[in-house]
N, C-alpha and C. Protein backbone atom coordinates (compact mmCIF):
# COMPACT_ATOMS: atom_id res chain seq x y z
N UNK A 1 92.42 79.51 172.66
CA UNK A 1 93.80 79.81 173.03
C UNK A 1 94.58 80.32 171.82
N UNK A 2 94.25 79.76 170.66
CA UNK A 2 94.94 80.15 169.44
C UNK A 2 94.68 81.63 169.11
N UNK A 3 93.41 82.01 169.25
CA UNK A 3 93.03 83.39 168.94
C UNK A 3 93.72 84.37 169.89
N UNK A 4 93.76 84.00 171.17
CA UNK A 4 94.40 84.88 172.16
C UNK A 4 95.88 85.05 171.83
N UNK A 5 96.51 83.95 171.45
CA UNK A 5 97.93 84.01 171.10
C UNK A 5 98.15 84.93 169.90
N UNK A 6 97.28 84.81 168.89
CA UNK A 6 97.39 85.63 167.69
C UNK A 6 97.22 87.11 168.02
N UNK A 7 96.24 87.40 168.87
CA UNK A 7 96.00 88.79 169.27
C UNK A 7 97.22 89.35 170.01
N UNK A 8 97.77 88.52 170.89
CA UNK A 8 98.94 88.96 171.65
C UNK A 8 100.11 89.22 170.72
N UNK A 9 100.26 88.35 169.72
CA UNK A 9 101.36 88.52 168.77
C UNK A 9 101.19 89.80 167.96
N UNK A 10 99.94 90.07 167.54
CA UNK A 10 99.68 91.29 166.78
C UNK A 10 100.01 92.53 167.62
N UNK A 11 99.61 92.47 168.90
CA UNK A 11 99.87 93.62 169.78
C UNK A 11 101.37 93.80 169.96
N UNK A 12 102.08 92.69 170.08
CA UNK A 12 103.53 92.74 170.25
C UNK A 12 104.18 93.40 169.03
N UNK A 13 103.74 92.99 167.83
CA UNK A 13 104.29 93.56 166.60
C UNK A 13 103.99 95.06 166.54
N UNK A 14 102.76 95.43 166.91
CA UNK A 14 102.38 96.83 166.85
C UNK A 14 103.22 97.66 167.82
N UNK A 15 103.44 97.10 169.03
CA UNK A 15 104.26 97.81 170.01
C UNK A 15 105.68 97.98 169.50
N UNK A 16 106.22 96.94 168.86
CA UNK A 16 107.58 97.04 168.34
C UNK A 16 107.68 98.11 167.26
N UNK A 17 106.65 98.18 166.39
CA UNK A 17 106.67 99.19 165.34
C UNK A 17 106.62 100.59 165.96
N UNK A 18 105.78 100.74 167.01
CA UNK A 18 105.66 102.05 167.65
C UNK A 18 106.99 102.43 168.30
N UNK A 19 107.64 101.45 168.93
CA UNK A 19 108.93 101.72 169.57
C UNK A 19 109.96 102.14 168.53
N UNK A 20 109.96 101.43 167.38
CA UNK A 20 110.92 101.76 166.33
C UNK A 20 110.67 103.17 165.81
N UNK A 21 109.39 103.54 165.67
CA UNK A 21 109.07 104.89 165.20
C UNK A 21 109.57 105.93 166.20
N UNK A 22 109.35 105.67 167.49
CA UNK A 22 109.78 106.61 168.52
C UNK A 22 111.30 106.76 168.50
N UNK A 23 112.01 105.63 168.37
CA UNK A 23 113.47 105.69 168.32
C UNK A 23 113.93 106.46 167.09
N UNK A 24 113.28 106.21 165.96
CA UNK A 24 113.64 106.89 164.72
C UNK A 24 113.45 108.40 164.88
N UNK A 25 112.31 108.79 165.48
CA UNK A 25 112.03 110.21 165.67
C UNK A 25 113.07 110.84 166.59
N UNK A 26 113.40 110.15 167.68
CA UNK A 26 114.39 110.67 168.62
C UNK A 26 115.74 110.81 167.93
N UNK A 27 116.08 109.83 167.08
CA UNK A 27 117.33 109.86 166.34
C UNK A 27 117.39 111.08 165.42
N UNK A 28 116.29 111.31 164.67
CA UNK A 28 116.24 112.46 163.76
C UNK A 28 116.33 113.77 164.53
N UNK A 29 115.62 113.86 165.66
CA UNK A 29 115.66 115.09 166.47
C UNK A 29 117.08 115.33 166.97
N UNK A 30 117.75 114.25 167.38
CA UNK A 30 119.12 114.39 167.85
C UNK A 30 120.04 114.93 166.75
N UNK A 31 119.86 114.41 165.53
CA UNK A 31 120.67 114.89 164.40
C UNK A 31 120.39 116.37 164.13
N UNK A 32 119.11 116.74 164.16
CA UNK A 32 118.74 118.14 163.92
C UNK A 32 119.38 119.06 164.96
N UNK A 33 119.28 118.66 166.23
CA UNK A 33 119.85 119.48 167.30
C UNK A 33 121.36 119.60 167.11
N UNK A 34 122.01 118.50 166.75
CA UNK A 34 123.46 118.52 166.54
C UNK A 34 123.82 119.48 165.41
N UNK A 35 123.06 119.42 164.31
CA UNK A 35 123.33 120.32 163.19
C UNK A 35 123.15 121.77 163.59
N UNK A 36 122.07 122.06 164.31
CA UNK A 36 121.82 123.44 164.75
C UNK A 36 122.96 123.93 165.64
N UNK A 37 123.39 123.08 166.58
CA UNK A 37 124.48 123.47 167.47
C UNK A 37 125.77 123.70 166.68
N UNK A 38 126.02 122.85 165.68
CA UNK A 38 127.21 123.02 164.86
C UNK A 38 127.17 124.35 164.12
N UNK A 39 126.02 124.67 163.53
CA UNK A 39 125.88 125.93 162.80
C UNK A 39 126.09 127.11 163.74
N UNK A 40 125.49 127.05 164.92
CA UNK A 40 125.66 128.14 165.89
C UNK A 40 127.13 128.28 166.28
N UNK A 41 127.80 127.14 166.50
CA UNK A 41 129.21 127.18 166.89
C UNK A 41 130.05 127.81 165.77
N UNK A 42 129.76 127.42 164.53
CA UNK A 42 130.53 127.97 163.39
C UNK A 42 130.28 129.47 163.25
N UNK A 43 129.01 129.86 163.37
CA UNK A 43 128.67 131.28 163.21
C UNK A 43 129.27 132.12 164.33
N UNK A 44 129.23 131.62 165.54
CA UNK A 44 129.76 132.39 166.67
C UNK A 44 131.28 132.37 166.67
N UNK A 45 131.87 131.39 166.00
CA UNK A 45 133.32 131.30 165.94
C UNK A 45 133.92 132.34 165.02
N UNK A 46 133.12 132.80 164.04
CA UNK A 46 133.66 133.78 163.07
C UNK A 46 133.68 135.18 163.68
């Protein structure tokens, strides 16, 4: 039972790390898109 619990805990930690990476990537992509849209807006505004 102890080993199963440890394996489950490891999997849980790994899943959390993967989720954090996915969120981080989505966050960075969102920032990039925002910057691109800002640049386009500024350029088209001139």
